[in-house]
């Protein structure tokens, strides 16, 4: 028995596969068979695409370009907030050192 290697799929492929079910009327079983992918994976992608189309940003890697952009921007905001916090702490530390020296 040969072990099947785990495959990875691009976000575009996942979105196109899920679109077969949501937009073109294929059943999950039909689409999975025709694309040679597992039904469970396709079902996850369909559920995720439904959620993203509803305007909710997923916790996993987004499929739609809009949700991908939102995830990028949220990551950037988080990084900037961490940097701001570090700068605030550094400023407070420098100010307290300066006060100690001036006494």
PDB file of N, CA and C in Angstrom:
ATOM      1  N   UNK A   1       0.833  -1.183   0.000  1.00  0.00           N
ATOM      2  CA  UNK A   1       0.000   0.000   0.000  1.00  0.00           C
ATOM      3  C   UNK A   1       0.879   1.248   0.000  1.00  0.00           C
ATOM      4  N   UNK A   2       0.746   2.065  -0.997  1.00  0.00           N
ATOM      5  CA  UNK A   2       1.530   3.290  -1.060  1.00  0.00           C
ATOM      6  C   UNK A   2       0.798   4.403  -0.350  1.00  0.00           C
ATOM      7  N   UNK A   3       1.580   5.164   0.382  1.00  0.00           N
ATOM      8  CA  UNK A   3       1.008   6.295   1.115  1.00  0.00           C
ATOM      9  C   UNK A   3       0.887   7.479   0.159  1.00  0.00           C
ATOM     10  N   UNK A   4      -0.290   8.051   0.113  1.00  0.00           N
ATOM     11  CA  UNK A   4      -0.532   9.197  -0.767  1.00  0.00           C
ATOM     12  C   UNK A   4       0.051  10.451  -0.130  1.00  0.00           C
ATOM     13  N   UNK A   5       0.848  11.172  -0.880  1.00  0.00           N
ATOM     14  CA  UNK A   5       1.466  12.400  -0.387  1.00  0.00           C
ATOM     15  C   UNK A   5       0.417  13.488  -0.242  1.00  0.00           C
ATOM     16  N   UNK A   6       0.545  14.242   0.838  1.00  0.00           N
ATOM     17  CA  UNK A   6      -0.392  15.342   1.088  1.00  0.00           C
ATOM     18  C   UNK A   6      -0.160  16.437   0.057  1.00  0.00           C
ATOM     19  N   UNK A   7      -1.242  16.834  -0.597  1.00  0.00           N
ATOM     20  CA  UNK A   7      -1.134  17.870  -1.619  1.00  0.00           C
ATOM     21  C   UNK A   7      -1.539  19.214  -1.031  1.00  0.00           C
ATOM     22  N   UNK A   8      -1.013  20.263  -1.624  1.00  0.00           N
ATOM     23  CA  UNK A   8      -1.417  21.613  -1.235  1.00  0.00           C
ATOM     24  C   UNK A   8      -2.073  22.268  -2.449  1.00  0.00           C
ATOM     25  N   UNK A   9      -3.030  23.131  -2.153  1.00  0.00           N
ATOM     26  CA  UNK A   9      -3.777  23.785  -3.224  1.00  0.00           C
ATOM     27  C   UNK A   9      -3.750  25.288  -2.999  1.00  0.00           C
ATOM     28  N   UNK A  10      -3.725  26.024  -4.091  1.00  0.00           N
ATOM     29  CA  UNK A  10      -3.722  27.482  -4.000  1.00  0.00           C
ATOM     30  C   UNK A  10      -5.110  27.974  -3.584  1.00  0.00           C
ATOM     31  N   UNK A  11      -5.143  29.186  -3.085  1.00  0.00           N
ATOM     32  CA  UNK A  11      -6.424  29.794  -2.716  1.00  0.00           C
ATOM     33  C   UNK A  11      -7.340  29.899  -3.928  1.00  0.00           C
ATOM     34  N   UNK A  12      -6.763  30.177  -5.099  1.00  0.00           N
ATOM     35  CA  UNK A  12      -7.558  30.294  -6.319  1.00  0.00           C
ATOM     36  C   UNK A  12      -8.216  28.963  -6.667  1.00  0.00           C
ATOM     37  N   UNK A  13      -7.456  27.868  -6.543  1.00  0.00           N
ATOM     38  CA  UNK A  13      -8.003  26.548  -6.832  1.00  0.00           C
ATOM     39  C   UNK A  13      -9.143  26.226  -5.872  1.00  0.00           C
ATOM     40  N   UNK A  14      -8.923  26.491  -4.589  1.00  0.00           N
ATOM     41  CA  UNK A  14      -9.947  26.216  -3.585  1.00  0.00           C
ATOM     42  C   UNK A  14     -11.219  27.013  -3.879  1.00  0.00           C
ATOM     43  N   UNK A  15     -11.045  28.280  -4.232  1.00  0.00           N
ATOM     44  CA  UNK A  15     -12.204  29.131  -4.516  1.00  0.00           C
ATOM     45  C   UNK A  15     -12.934  28.632  -5.765  1.00  0.00           C
ATOM     46  N   UNK A  16     -12.176  28.260  -6.800  1.00  0.00           N
ATOM     47  CA  UNK A  16     -12.802  27.745  -8.025  1.00  0.00           C
ATOM     48  C   UNK A  16     -13.540  26.434  -7.754  1.00  0.00           C
ATOM     49  N   UNK A  17     -12.941  25.567  -6.945  1.00  0.00           N
ATOM     50  CA  UNK A  17     -13.574  24.287  -6.623  1.00  0.00           C
ATOM     51  C   UNK A  17     -14.866  24.513  -5.846  1.00  0.00           C
ATOM     52  N   UNK A  18     -14.817  25.393  -4.860  1.00  0.00           N
ATOM     53  CA  UNK A  18     -16.016  25.690  -4.069  1.00  0.00           C
ATOM     54  C   UNK A  18     -17.082  26.372  -4.933  1.00  0.00           C
ATOM     55  N   UNK A  19     -16.656  27.162  -5.894  1.00  0.00           N
ATOM     56  CA  UNK A  19     -17.598  27.837  -6.793  1.00  0.00           C
ATOM     57  C   UNK A  19     -18.362  26.846  -7.661  1.00  0.00           C
ATOM     58  N   UNK A  20     -17.725  25.715  -7.985  1.00  0.00           N
ATOM     59  CA  UNK A  20     -18.437  24.688  -8.749  1.00  0.00           C
ATOM     60  C   UNK A  20     -19.690  24.255  -8.000  1.00  0.00           C
ATOM     61  N   UNK A  21     -19.553  24.118  -6.690  1.00  0.00           N
ATOM     62  CA  UNK A  21     -20.682  23.669  -5.875  1.00  0.00           C
ATOM     63  C   UNK A  21     -21.677  24.802  -5.657  1.00  0.00           C
ATOM     64  N   UNK A  22     -21.181  25.968  -5.265  1.00  0.00           N
ATOM     65  CA  UNK A  22     -22.071  27.068  -4.900  1.00  0.00           C
ATOM     66  C   UNK A  22     -22.712  27.764  -6.100  1.00  0.00           C
ATOM     67  N   UNK A  23     -21.959  27.903  -7.173  1.00  0.00           N
ATOM     68  CA  UNK A  23     -22.435  28.721  -8.287  1.00  0.00           C
ATOM     69  C   UNK A  23     -22.896  27.917  -9.506  1.00  0.00           C
ATOM     70  N   UNK A  24     -22.346  26.709  -9.678  1.00  0.00           N
ATOM     71  CA  UNK A  24     -22.649  25.960 -10.901  1.00  0.00           C
ATOM     72  C   UNK A  24     -23.493  24.714 -10.651  1.00  0.00           C
ATOM     73  N   UNK A  25     -23.897  24.500  -9.398  1.00  0.00           N
ATOM     74  CA  UNK A  25     -24.846  23.440  -9.116  1.00  0.00           C
ATOM     75  C   UNK A  25     -24.304  22.028  -9.018  1.00  0.00           C
ATOM     76  N   UNK A  26     -23.003  21.865  -8.995  1.00  0.00           N
ATOM     77  CA  UNK A  26     -22.438  20.531  -8.815  1.00  0.00           C
ATOM     78  C   UNK A  26     -22.663  20.080  -7.374  1.00  0.00           C
ATOM     79  N   UNK A  27     -22.792  18.789  -7.180  1.00  0.00           N
ATOM     80  CA  UNK A  27     -22.815  18.285  -5.806  1.00  0.00           C
ATOM     81  C   UNK A  27     -21.373  18.207  -5.328  1.00  0.00           C
ATOM     82  N   UNK A  28     -21.192  18.142  -4.029  1.00  0.00           N
ATOM     83  CA  UNK A  28     -19.837  18.045  -3.489  1.00  0.00           C
ATOM     84  C   UNK A  28     -19.170  16.777  -4.002  1.00  0.00           C
ATOM     85  N   UNK A  29     -19.910  15.674  -4.036  1.00  0.00           N
ATOM     86  CA  UNK A  29     -19.343  14.410  -4.508  1.00  0.00           C
ATOM     87  C   UNK A  29     -18.905  14.501  -5.973  1.00  0.00           C
ATOM     88  N   UNK A  30     -19.748  15.093  -6.826  1.00  0.00           N
ATOM     89  CA  UNK A  30     -19.413  15.226  -8.251  1.00  0.00           C
ATOM     90  C   UNK A  30     -18.170  16.095  -8.450  1.00  0.00           C
ATOM     91  N   UNK A  31     -18.157  17.238  -7.796  1.00  0.00           N
ATOM     92  CA  UNK A  31     -17.031  18.156  -7.956  1.00  0.00           C
ATOM     93  C   UNK A  31     -15.746  17.531  -7.417  1.00  0.00           C
ATOM     94  N   UNK A  32     -15.828  16.867  -6.275  1.00  0.00           N
ATOM     95  CA  UNK A  32     -14.644  16.239  -5.691  1.00  0.00           C
ATOM     96  C   UNK A  32     -14.094  15.157  -6.621  1.00  0.00           C
ATOM     97  N   UNK A  33     -14.979  14.355  -7.174  1.00  0.00           N
ATOM     98  CA  UNK A  33     -14.547  13.303  -8.104  1.00  0.00           C
ATOM     99  C   UNK A  33     -13.892  13.898  -9.337  1.00  0.00           C
ATOM    100  N   UNK A  34     -14.507  14.906  -9.911  1.00  0.00           N
ATOM    101  CA  UNK A  34     -13.977  15.478 -11.153  1.00  0.00           C
ATOM    102  C   UNK A  34     -12.643  16.192 -10.935  1.00  0.00           C
ATOM    103  N   UNK A  35     -12.430  16.719  -9.729  1.00  0.00           N
ATOM    104  CA  UNK A  35     -11.181  17.430  -9.435  1.00  0.00           C
ATOM    105  C   UNK A  35     -10.141  16.542  -8.760  1.00  0.00           C
ATOM    106  N   UNK A  36     -10.519  15.302  -8.460  1.00  0.00           N
ATOM    107  CA  UNK A  36      -9.645  14.342  -7.779  1.00  0.00           C
ATOM    108  C   UNK A  36      -9.166  14.888  -6.428  1.00  0.00           C
ATOM    109  N   UNK A  37     -10.128  15.354  -5.659  1.00  0.00           N
ATOM    110  CA  UNK A  37      -9.840  15.826  -4.300  1.00  0.00           C
ATOM    111  C   UNK A  37     -10.823  15.157  -3.343  1.00  0.00           C
ATOM    112  N   UNK A  38     -10.531  15.228  -2.072  1.00  0.00           N
ATOM    113  CA  UNK A  38     -11.399  14.631  -1.080  1.00  0.00           C
ATOM    114  C   UNK A  38     -12.657  15.451  -0.847  1.00  0.00           C
ATOM    115  N   UNK A  39     -13.740  14.744  -0.571  1.00  0.00           N
ATOM    116  CA  UNK A  39     -15.010  15.435  -0.314  1.00  0.00           C
ATOM    117  C   UNK A  39     -14.935  16.292   0.943  1.00  0.00           C
ATOM    118  N   UNK A  40     -14.222  15.808   1.952  1.00  0.00           N
ATOM    119  CA  UNK A  40     -14.119  16.558   3.204  1.00  0.00           C
ATOM    120  C   UNK A  40     -13.428  17.901   2.982  1.00  0.00           C
ATOM    121  N   UNK A  41     -12.344  17.878   2.221  1.00  0.00           N
ATOM    122  CA  UNK A  41     -11.624  19.126   1.930  1.00  0.00           C
ATOM    123  C   UNK A  41     -12.527  20.079   1.155  1.00  0.00           C
ATOM    124  N   UNK A  42     -13.207  19.559   0.147  1.00  0.00           N
ATOM    125  CA  UNK A  42     -14.083  20.412  -0.660  1.00  0.00           C
ATOM    126  C   UNK A  42     -15.219  20.972   0.190  1.00  0.00           C
ATOM    127  N   UNK A  43     -15.779  20.169   1.071  1.00  0.00           N
ATOM    128  CA  UNK A  43     -16.854  20.640   1.947  1.00  0.00           C
ATOM    129  C   UNK A  43     -16.356  21.804   2.825  1.00  0.00           C
ATOM    130  N   UNK A  44     -15.130  21.687   3.340  1.00  0.00           N
ATOM    131  CA  UNK A  44     -14.533  22.776   4.142  1.00  0.00           C
ATOM    132  C   UNK A  44     -14.394  24.042   3.316  1.00  0.00           C
ATOM    133  N   UNK A  45     -13.925  23.894   2.080  1.00  0.00           N
ATOM    134  CA  UNK A  45     -13.734  25.056   1.217  1.00  0.00           C
ATOM    135  C   UNK A  45     -15.075  25.712   0.881  1.00  0.00           C
ATOM    136  N   UNK A  46     -16.089  24.900   0.645  1.00  0.00           N
ATOM    137  CA  UNK A  46     -17.430  25.436   0.340  1.00  0.00           C
ATOM    138  C   UNK A  46     -17.946  26.213   1.544  1.00  0.00           C
ATOM    139  N   UNK A  47     -17.815  25.620   2.733  1.00  0.00           N
ATOM    140  CA  UNK A  47     -18.269  26.308   3.952  1.00  0.00           C
ATOM    141  C   UNK A  47     -17.514  27.615   4.153  1.00  0.00           C
ATOM    142  N   UNK A  48     -16.203  27.573   3.910  1.00  0.00           N
ATOM    143  CA  UNK A  48     -15.400  28.779   4.091  1.00  0.00           C
ATOM    144  C   UNK A  48     -15.803  29.853   3.088  1.00  0.00           C
ATOM    145  N   UNK A  49     -16.027  29.479   1.851  1.00  0.00           N
ATOM    146  CA  UNK A  49     -16.418  30.467   0.836  1.00  0.00           C
ATOM    147  C   UNK A  49     -17.774  31.085   1.176  1.00  0.00           C
ATOM    148  N   UNK A  50     -18.698  30.271   1.685  1.00  0.00           N
ATOM    149  CA  UNK A  50     -19.998  30.804   2.113  1.00  0.00           C
ATOM    150  C   UNK A  50     -19.799  31.859   3.197  1.00  0.00           C
ATOM    151  N   UNK A  51     -18.937  31.556   4.155  1.00  0.00           N
ATOM    152  CA  UNK A  51     -18.669  32.479   5.265  1.00  0.00           C
ATOM    153  C   UNK A  51     -18.045  33.773   4.744  1.00  0.00           C
ATOM    154  N   UNK A  52     -17.044  33.629   3.872  1.00  0.00           N
ATOM    155  CA  UNK A  52     -16.368  34.818   3.331  1.00  0.00           C
ATOM    156  C   UNK A  52     -17.323  35.673   2.505  1.00  0.00           C
ATOM    157  N   UNK A  53     -18.166  35.035   1.733  1.00  0.00           N
ATOM    158  CA  UNK A  53     -19.140  35.795   0.932  1.00  0.00           C
ATOM    159  C   UNK A  53     -20.132  36.512   1.836  1.00  0.00           C
ATOM    160  N   UNK A  54     -20.312  35.998   3.040  1.00  0.00           N
ATOM    161  CA  UNK A  54     -21.180  36.649   4.010  1.00  0.00           C
ATOM    162  C   UNK A  54     -20.510  37.823   4.701  1.00  0.00           C
ATOM    163  N   UNK A  55     -19.247  38.074   4.362  1.00  0.00           N
ATOM    164  CA  UNK A  55     -18.539  39.227   4.905  1.00  0.00           C
ATOM    165  C   UNK A  55     -17.759  38.956   6.176  1.00  0.00           C
ATOM    166  N   UNK A  56     -17.640  37.698   6.563  1.00  0.00           N
ATOM    167  CA  UNK A  56     -16.908  37.352   7.783  1.00  0.00           C
ATOM    168  C   UNK A  56     -15.493  36.935   7.406  1.00  0.00           C
ATOM    169  N   UNK A  57     -14.504  37.515   8.065  1.00  0.00           N
ATOM    170  CA  UNK A  57     -13.116  37.174   7.813  1.00  0.00           C
ATOM    171  C   UNK A  57     -12.790  35.873   8.525  1.00  0.00           C
ATOM    172  N   UNK A  58     -12.299  34.876   7.784  1.00  0.00           N
ATOM    173  CA  UNK A  58     -12.007  33.583   8.409  1.00  0.00           C
ATOM    174  C   UNK A  58     -10.734  33.631   9.248  1.00  0.00           C
ATOM    175  N   UNK A  59     -10.602  32.650  10.136  1.00  0.00           N
ATOM    176  CA  UNK A  59      -9.382  32.564  10.934  1.00  0.00           C
ATOM    177  C   UNK A  59      -8.291  31.839  10.157  1.00  0.00           C
ATOM    178  N   UNK A  60      -8.666  31.057   9.157  1.00  0.00           N
ATOM    179  CA  UNK A  60      -7.690  30.391   8.307  1.00  0.00           C
ATOM    180  C   UNK A  60      -7.371  31.292   7.119  1.00  0.00           C
ATOM    181  N   UNK A  61      -6.489  30.838   6.249  1.00  0.00           N
ATOM    182  CA  UNK A  61      -6.126  31.628   5.074  1.00  0.00           C
ATOM    183  C   UNK A  61      -7.352  31.848   4.199  1.00  0.00           C
ATOM    184  N   UNK A  62      -7.605  33.093   3.894  1.00  0.00           N
ATOM    185  CA  UNK A  62      -8.799  33.469   3.141  1.00  0.00           C
ATOM    186  C   UNK A  62      -8.724  32.987   1.701  1.00  0.00           C
ATOM    187  N   UNK A  63      -9.889  32.769   1.114  1.00  0.00           N
ATOM    188  CA  UNK A  63      -9.979  32.348  -0.287  1.00  0.00           C
ATOM    189  C   UNK A  63     -10.193  33.528  -1.221  1.00  0.00           C
ATOM    190  N   UNK A  64     -11.072  34.442  -0.837  1.00  0.00           N
ATOM    191  CA  UNK A  64     -11.393  35.558  -1.737  1.00  0.00           C
ATOM    192  C   UNK A  64     -10.356  36.666  -1.602  1.00  0.00           C
ATOM    193  N   UNK A  65     -10.078  37.375  -2.699  1.00  0.00           N
ATOM    194  CA  UNK A  65      -9.094  38.462  -2.651  1.00  0.00           C
ATOM    195  C   UNK A  65      -9.445  39.533  -1.618  1.00  0.00           C
ATOM    196  N   UNK A  66     -10.730  39.814  -1.478  1.00  0.00           N
ATOM    197  CA  UNK A  66     -11.140  40.843  -0.516  1.00  0.00           C
ATOM    198  C   UNK A  66     -10.794  40.428   0.914  1.00  0.00           C
ATOM    199  N   UNK A  67     -11.103  39.175   1.249  1.00  0.00           N
ATOM    200  CA  UNK A  67     -10.815  38.689   2.596  1.00  0.00           C
ATOM    201  C   UNK A  67      -9.309  38.539   2.817  1.00  0.00           C
ATOM    202  N   UNK A  68      -8.558  38.188   1.765  1.00  0.00           N
ATOM    203  CA  UNK A  68      -7.105  38.123   1.882  1.00  0.00           C
ATOM    204  C   UNK A  68      -6.547  39.500   2.226  1.00  0.00           C
ATOM    205  N   UNK A  69      -7.069  40.533   1.562  1.00  0.00           N
ATOM    206  CA  UNK A  69      -6.624  41.910   1.816  1.00  0.00           C
ATOM    207  C   UNK A  69      -6.965  42.321   3.239  1.00  0.00           C
ATOM    208  N   UNK A  70      -8.156  41.961   3.705  1.00  0.00           N
ATOM    209  CA  UNK A  70      -8.542  42.279   5.079  1.00  0.00           C
ATOM    210  C   UNK A  70      -7.588  41.611   6.062  1.00  0.00           C
ATOM    211  N   UNK A  71      -7.232  40.342   5.813  1.00  0.00           N
ATOM    212  CA  UNK A  71      -6.296  39.652   6.705  1.00  0.00           C
ATOM    213  C   UNK A  71      -4.930  40.331   6.703  1.00  0.00           C
ATOM    214  N   UNK A  72      -4.457  40.755   5.522  1.00  0.00           N
ATOM    215  CA  UNK A  72      -3.178  41.460   5.444  1.00  0.00           C
ATOM    216  C   UNK A  72      -3.224  42.756   6.260  1.00  0.00           C
ATOM    217  N   UNK A  73      -4.307  43.507   6.104  1.00  0.00           N
ATOM    218  CA  UNK A  73      -4.435  44.780   6.815  1.00  0.00           C
ATOM    219  C   UNK A  73      -4.554  44.572   8.319  1.00  0.00           C
ATOM    220  N   UNK A  74      -5.282  43.530   8.736  1.00  0.00           N
ATOM    221  CA  UNK A  74      -5.391  43.242  10.173  1.00  0.00           C
ATOM    222  C   UNK A  74      -4.020  42.863  10.750  1.00  0.00           C
ATOM    223  N   UNK A  75      -3.246  42.093   9.995  1.00  0.00           N
ATOM    224  CA  UNK A  75      -1.904  41.724  10.458  1.00  0.00           C
ATOM    225  C   UNK A  75      -1.025  42.968  10.576  1.00  0.00           C
ATOM    226  N   UNK A  76      -1.153  43.874   9.620  1.00  0.00           N
ATOM    227  CA  UNK A  76      -0.372  45.117   9.653  1.00  0.00           C
ATOM    228  C   UNK A  76      -0.770  45.982  10.853  1.00  0.00           C
ATOM    229  N   UNK A  77      -2.068  46.069  11.112  1.00  0.00           N
ATOM    230  CA  UNK A  77      -2.541  46.835  12.271  1.00  0.00           C
ATOM    231  C   UNK A  77      -1.970  46.248  13.556  1.00  0.00           C
ATOM    232  N   UNK A  78      -2.019  44.923  13.684  1.00  0.00           N
ATOM    233  CA  UNK A  78      -1.484  44.273  14.888  1.00  0.00           C
ATOM    234  C   UNK A  78       0.001  44.572  15.075  1.00  0.00           C
ATOM    235  N   UNK A  79       0.759  44.501  13.965  1.00  0.00           N
ATOM    236  CA  UNK A  79       2.194  44.779  14.046  1.00  0.00           C
ATOM    237  C   UNK A  79       2.443  46.226  14.458  1.00  0.00           C
ATOM    238  N   UNK A  80       1.707  47.161  13.870  1.00  0.00           N
ATOM    239  CA  UNK A  80       1.873  48.577  14.196  1.00  0.00           C
ATOM    240  C   UNK A  80       1.484  48.871  15.645  1.00  0.00           C
ATOM    241  N   UNK A  81       0.441  48.202  16.137  1.00  0.00           N
ATOM    242  CA  UNK A  81       0.050  48.395  17.535  1.00  0.00           C
ATOM    243  C   UNK A  81       1.123  47.871  18.490  1.00  0.00           C
ATOM    244  N   UNK A  82       1.747  46.738  18.134  1.00  0.00           N
ATOM    245  CA  UNK A  82       2.859  46.221  18.965  1.00  0.00           C
ATOM    246  C   UNK A  82       4.035  47.188  18.956  1.00  0.00           C
ATOM    247  N   UNK A  83       4.360  47.717  17.774  1.00  0.00           N
ATOM    248  CA  UNK A  83       5.461  48.678  17.673  1.00  0.00           C
ATOM    249  C   UNK A  83       5.152  49.935  18.484  1.00  0.00           C
ATOM    250  N   UNK A  84       3.929  50.405  18.421  1.00  0.00           N
ATOM    251  CA  UNK A  84       3.524  51.595  19.169  1.00  0.00           C
ATOM    252  C   UNK A  84       3.676  51.354  20.671  1.00  0.00           C
ATOM    253  N   UNK A  85       3.266  50.179  21.119  1.00  0.00           N
ATOM    254  CA  UNK A  85       3.379  49.835  22.533  1.00  0.00           C
ATOM    255  C   UNK A  85       4.846  49.814  22.973  1.00  0.00           C
ATOM    256  N   UNK A  86       5.694  49.262  22.144  1.00  0.00           N
ATOM    257  CA  UNK A  86       7.130  49.214  22.462  1.00  0.00           C
ATOM    258  C   UNK A  86       7.690  50.633  22.548  1.00  0.00           C
ATOM    259  N   UNK A  87       7.305  51.489  21.602  1.00  0.00           N
ATOM    260  CA  UNK A  87       7.791  52.868  21.603  1.00  0.00           C
ATOM    261  C   UNK A  87       7.301  53.635  22.833  1.00  0.00           C
ATOM    262  N   UNK A  88       6.045  53.398  23.237  1.00  0.00           N
ATOM    263  CA  UNK A  88       5.520  54.051  24.434  1.00  0.00           C
ATOM    264  C   UNK A  88       6.326  53.657  25.662  1.00  0.00           C
ATOM    265  N   UNK A  89       6.617  52.355  25.781  1.00  0.00           N
ATOM    266  CA  UNK A  89       7.377  51.865  26.928  1.00  0.00           C
ATOM    267  C   UNK A  89       8.797  52.420  26.922  1.00  0.00           C
ATOM    268  N   UNK A  90       9.393  52.462  25.729  1.00  0.00           N
ATOM    269  CA  UNK A  90      10.758  52.989  25.624  1.00  0.00           C
ATOM    270  C   UNK A  90      10.788  54.471  25.989  1.00  0.00           C
ATOM    271  N   UNK A  91       9.792  55.218  25.539  1.00  0.00           N
ATOM    272  CA  UNK A  91       9.716  56.646  25.856  1.00  0.00           C
ATOM    273  C   UNK A  91       9.557  56.855  27.359  1.00  0.00           C
ATOM    274  N   UNK A  92       8.681  56.080  27.975  1.00  0.00           N
ATOM    275  CA  UNK A  92       8.481  56.191  29.422  1.00  0.00           C
ATOM    276  C   UNK A  92       9.764  55.870  30.175  1.00  0.00           C
ATOM    277  N   UNK A  93      10.477  54.857  29.716  1.00  0.00           N
ATOM    278  CA  UNK A  93      11.737  54.472  30.361  1.00  0.00           C
ATOM    279  C   UNK A  93      12.781  55.576  30.213  1.00  0.00           C
ATOM    280  N   UNK A  94      12.888  56.137  29.019  1.00  0.00           N
ATOM    281  CA  UNK A  94      13.848  57.214  28.791  1.00  0.00           C
ATOM    282  C   UNK A  94      13.498  58.457  29.608  1.00  0.00           C
ATOM    283  N   UNK A  95      12.204  58.759  29.696  1.00  0.00           N
ATOM    284  CA  UNK A  95      11.779  59.922  30.479  1.00  0.00           C
ATOM    285  C   UNK A  95      12.078  59.733  31.963  1.00  0.00           C
ATOM    286  N   UNK A  96      11.863  58.514  32.470  1.00  0.00           N
ATOM    287  CA  UNK A  96      12.136  58.269  33.894  1.00  0.00           C
ATOM    288  C   UNK A  96      13.632  58.340  34.168  1.00  0.00           C
ATOM    289  N   UNK A  97      14.465  57.872  33.237  1.00  0.00           N
ATOM    290  CA  UNK A  97      15.913  58.000  33.387  1.00  0.00           C
ATOM    291  C   UNK A  97      16.328  59.471  33.396  1.00  0.00           C
ATOM    292  N   UNK A  98      15.716  60.257  32.535  1.00  0.00           N
ATOM    293  CA  UNK A  98      16.040  61.674  32.431  1.00  0.00           C
ATOM    294  C   UNK A  98      15.639  62.403  33.736  1.00  0.00           C
ATOM    295  N   UNK A  99      14.496  62.034  34.299  1.00  0.00           N
ATOM    296  CA  UNK A  99      14.053  62.634  35.561  1.00  0.00           C
ATOM    297  C   UNK A  99      15.042  62.303  36.687  1.00  0.00           C
ATOM    298  N   UNK A 100      15.500  61.064  36.718  1.00  0.00           N
ATOM    299  CA  UNK A 100      16.451  60.651  37.761  1.00  0.00           C
ATOM    300  C   UNK A 100      17.759  61.444  37.648  1.00  0.00           C
ATOM    301  N   UNK A 101      18.210  61.700  36.438  1.00  0.00           N
ATOM    302  CA  UNK A 101      19.456  62.428  36.242  1.00  0.00           C
ATOM    303  C   UNK A 101      19.329  63.896  36.613  1.00  0.00           C
ATOM    304  N   UNK A 102      18.147  64.469  36.406  1.00  0.00           N
ATOM    305  CA  UNK A 102      17.971  65.889  36.661  1.00  0.00           C
ATOM    306  C   UNK A 102      17.810  66.197  38.133  1.00  0.00           C
ATOM    307  N   UNK A 103      17.607  65.203  38.998  1.00  0.00           N
ATOM    308  CA  UNK A 103      17.421  65.453  40.419  1.00  0.00           C
ATOM    309  C   UNK A 103      18.714  65.646  41.127  1.00  0.00           C
TER     310      UNK A 103
END
